[in-house]
Amino acid sequence: MSRRPGEESSYAPQRDDLLLRLRKIEGQVKGIHRMIEEDKYCVDILIQIAAARAALKKVGTMIFEAHVRGCVRTAIVNQEDGEIIDELIDVLNRFTS
């Protein structure tokens, strides 16, 4: 299931916050790259990887919540619940793997 042409994404109200978070994550990943280039201590690198993963998970959770509150709710109201529930289960399985 996808958006109709011209329809705004369910996460649009959070777009600026999401982009800011992603820029910070990008900086974290660049920092990890630099740490490896500089042969930093393994534990320090692993801590930074854990922080980047947690930040990325937060972005995913925000988008997932917006999807459920927006796209899924709309699909249920429009009686497209069978298709959206299958999609929701699929995305949940991918997101939590």
C-alpha atoms as a PDB file:
ATOM      1  CA  MET A   1       0.000   0.000   0.000  1.00  0.00           C
ATOM      2  CA  SER A   2       1.332   3.450  -0.775  1.00  0.00           C
ATOM      3  CA  ARG A   3       0.285   7.075  -0.599  1.00  0.00           C
ATOM      4  CA  ARG A   4      -1.956   8.573  -3.198  1.00  0.00           C
ATOM      5  CA  PRO A   5      -0.390  11.251  -5.450  1.00  0.00           C
ATOM      6  CA  GLY A   6      -0.325  14.624  -3.729  1.00  0.00           C
ATOM      7  CA  GLU A   7      -1.027  13.109  -0.323  1.00  0.00           C
ATOM      8  CA  GLU A   8       1.293  14.243   2.479  1.00  0.00           C
ATOM      9  CA  SER A   9       3.234  11.650   4.468  1.00  0.00           C
ATOM     10  CA  SER A  10       2.008  10.813   7.933  1.00  0.00           C
ATOM     11  CA  TYR A  11       5.372  11.939   9.362  1.00  0.00           C
ATOM     12  CA  ALA A  12       5.285  15.332   7.595  1.00  0.00           C
ATOM     13  CA  PRO A  13       4.574  17.276  10.825  1.00  0.00           C
ATOM     14  CA  GLN A  14       7.783  15.791  12.274  1.00  0.00           C
ATOM     15  CA  ARG A  15       9.904  16.134   9.132  1.00  0.00           C
ATOM     16  CA  ASP A  16      12.206  18.851  10.511  1.00  0.00           C
ATOM     17  CA  ASP A  17      12.798  16.946  13.757  1.00  0.00           C
ATOM     18  CA  LEU A  18      13.439  13.702  11.861  1.00  0.00           C
ATOM     19  CA  LEU A  19      15.906  15.384   9.509  1.00  0.00           C
ATOM     20  CA  LEU A  20      17.732  16.972  12.448  1.00  0.00           C
ATOM     21  CA  ARG A  21      17.988  13.597  14.162  1.00  0.00           C
ATOM     22  CA  LEU A  22      19.277  12.003  10.959  1.00  0.00           C
ATOM     23  CA  ARG A  23      21.936  14.712  10.560  1.00  0.00           C
ATOM     24  CA  LYS A  24      23.093  13.995  14.111  1.00  0.00           C
ATOM     25  CA  ILE A  25      23.203  10.265  13.354  1.00  0.00           C
ATOM     26  CA  GLU A  26      25.203  11.004  10.221  1.00  0.00           C
ATOM     27  CA  GLY A  27      27.681  12.910  12.388  1.00  0.00           C
ATOM     28  CA  GLN A  28      27.853   9.999  14.826  1.00  0.00           C
ATOM     29  CA  VAL A  29      28.609   7.559  12.005  1.00  0.00           C
ATOM     30  CA  LYS A  30      31.301   9.850  10.621  1.00  0.00           C
ATOM     31  CA  GLY A  31      32.749  10.013  14.131  1.00  0.00           C
ATOM     32  CA  ILE A  32      32.819   6.216  14.325  1.00  0.00           C
ATOM     33  CA  HIS A  33      34.560   6.110  10.950  1.00  0.00           C
ATOM     34  CA  ARG A  34      37.146   8.573  12.229  1.00  0.00           C
ATOM     35  CA  MET A  35      37.615   6.562  15.432  1.00  0.00           C
ATOM     36  CA  ILE A  36      38.415   3.452  13.403  1.00  0.00           C
ATOM     37  CA  GLU A  37      40.791   5.382  11.162  1.00  0.00           C
ATOM     38  CA  GLU A  38      42.552   6.671  14.284  1.00  0.00           C
ATOM     39  CA  ASP A  39      42.716   3.170  15.782  1.00  0.00           C
ATOM     40  CA  LYS A  40      40.700   4.105  18.899  1.00  0.00           C
ATOM     41  CA  TYR A  41      39.880   1.673  21.711  1.00  0.00           C
ATOM     42  CA  CYS A  42      37.337  -1.010  20.741  1.00  0.00           C
ATOM     43  CA  VAL A  43      35.009  -0.383  23.678  1.00  0.00           C
ATOM     44  CA  ASP A  44      34.814   3.329  22.893  1.00  0.00           C
ATOM     45  CA  ILE A  45      33.856   2.517  19.294  1.00  0.00           C
ATOM     46  CA  LEU A  46      31.240  -0.011  20.407  1.00  0.00           C
ATOM     47  CA  ILE A  47      29.688   2.543  22.762  1.00  0.00           C
ATOM     48  CA  GLN A  48      29.376   5.002  19.884  1.00  0.00           C
ATOM     49  CA  ILE A  49      27.866   2.310  17.641  1.00  0.00           C
ATOM     50  CA  ALA A  50      25.291   1.547  20.349  1.00  0.00           C
ATOM     51  CA  ALA A  51      24.424   5.248  20.608  1.00  0.00           C
ATOM     52  CA  ALA A  52      23.999   5.565  16.827  1.00  0.00           C
ATOM     53  CA  ARG A  53      21.827   2.444  16.709  1.00  0.00           C
ATOM     54  CA  ALA A  54      19.635   3.784  19.530  1.00  0.00           C
ATOM     55  CA  ALA A  55      19.250   7.123  17.744  1.00  0.00           C
ATOM     56  CA  LEU A  56      18.327   5.409  14.473  1.00  0.00           C
ATOM     57  CA  LYS A  57      15.847   3.185  16.300  1.00  0.00           C
ATOM     58  CA  LYS A  58      14.214   6.319  17.745  1.00  0.00           C
ATOM     59  CA  VAL A  59      13.794   7.773  14.241  1.00  0.00           C
ATOM     60  CA  GLY A  60      12.266   4.502  13.077  1.00  0.00           C
ATOM     61  CA  THR A  61       9.914   4.425  16.052  1.00  0.00           C
ATOM     62  CA  MET A  62       8.770   7.977  15.349  1.00  0.00           C
ATOM     63  CA  ILE A  63       8.036   7.146  11.706  1.00  0.00           C
ATOM     64  CA  PHE A  64       6.326   3.876  12.664  1.00  0.00           C
ATOM     65  CA  GLU A  65       4.095   5.661  15.179  1.00  0.00           C
ATOM     66  CA  ALA A  66       3.182   8.323  12.608  1.00  0.00           C
ATOM     67  CA  HIS A  67       2.389   5.555  10.110  1.00  0.00           C
ATOM     68  CA  VAL A  68       0.037   3.817  12.527  1.00  0.00           C
ATOM     69  CA  ARG A  69      -1.664   7.039  13.635  1.00  0.00           C
ATOM     70  CA  GLY A  70      -1.962   8.342  10.066  1.00  0.00           C
ATOM     71  CA  CYS A  71      -1.782   5.797   7.247  1.00  0.00           C
ATOM     72  CA  VAL A  72      -3.126   2.814   9.163  1.00  0.00           C
ATOM     73  CA  ARG A  73      -5.955   4.794  10.743  1.00  0.00           C
ATOM     74  CA  THR A  74      -6.956   6.186   7.332  1.00  0.00           C
ATOM     75  CA  ALA A  75      -6.871   2.735   5.733  1.00  0.00           C
ATOM     76  CA  ILE A  76      -9.097   1.305   8.463  1.00  0.00           C
ATOM     77  CA  VAL A  77     -11.577   4.168   8.089  1.00  0.00           C
ATOM     78  CA  ASN A  78     -11.593   3.537   4.316  1.00  0.00           C
ATOM     79  CA  GLN A  79     -12.204  -0.165   4.970  1.00  0.00           C
ATOM     80  CA  GLU A  80      -8.810  -1.187   3.562  1.00  0.00           C
ATOM     81  CA  ASP A  81      -7.985  -2.872   6.854  1.00  0.00           C
ATOM     82  CA  GLY A  82      -7.030  -6.317   5.500  1.00  0.00           C
ATOM     83  CA  GLU A  83      -4.301  -4.977   3.245  1.00  0.00           C
ATOM     84  CA  ILE A  84      -2.979  -2.463   5.776  1.00  0.00           C
ATOM     85  CA  ILE A  85      -2.849  -5.034   8.575  1.00  0.00           C
ATOM     86  CA  ASP A  86      -0.765  -7.355   6.377  1.00  0.00           C
ATOM     87  CA  GLU A  87       1.542  -4.443   5.547  1.00  0.00           C
ATOM     88  CA  LEU A  88       1.753  -3.453   9.213  1.00  0.00           C
ATOM     89  CA  ILE A  89       2.723  -6.969  10.282  1.00  0.00           C
ATOM     90  CA  ASP A  90       5.353  -7.117   7.530  1.00  0.00           C
ATOM     91  CA  VAL A  91       6.908  -3.756   8.434  1.00  0.00           C
ATOM     92  CA  LEU A  92       6.821  -4.589  12.148  1.00  0.00           C
ATOM     93  CA  ASN A  93       8.688  -7.838  11.479  1.00  0.00           C
ATOM     94  CA  ARG A  94      11.306  -6.005   9.413  1.00  0.00           C
ATOM     95  CA  PHE A  95      11.677  -3.167  11.905  1.00  0.00           C
ATOM     96  CA  THR A  96      12.119  -5.438  14.914  1.00  0.00           C
ATOM     97  CA  SER A  97      14.548  -7.868  13.245  1.00  0.00           C
END
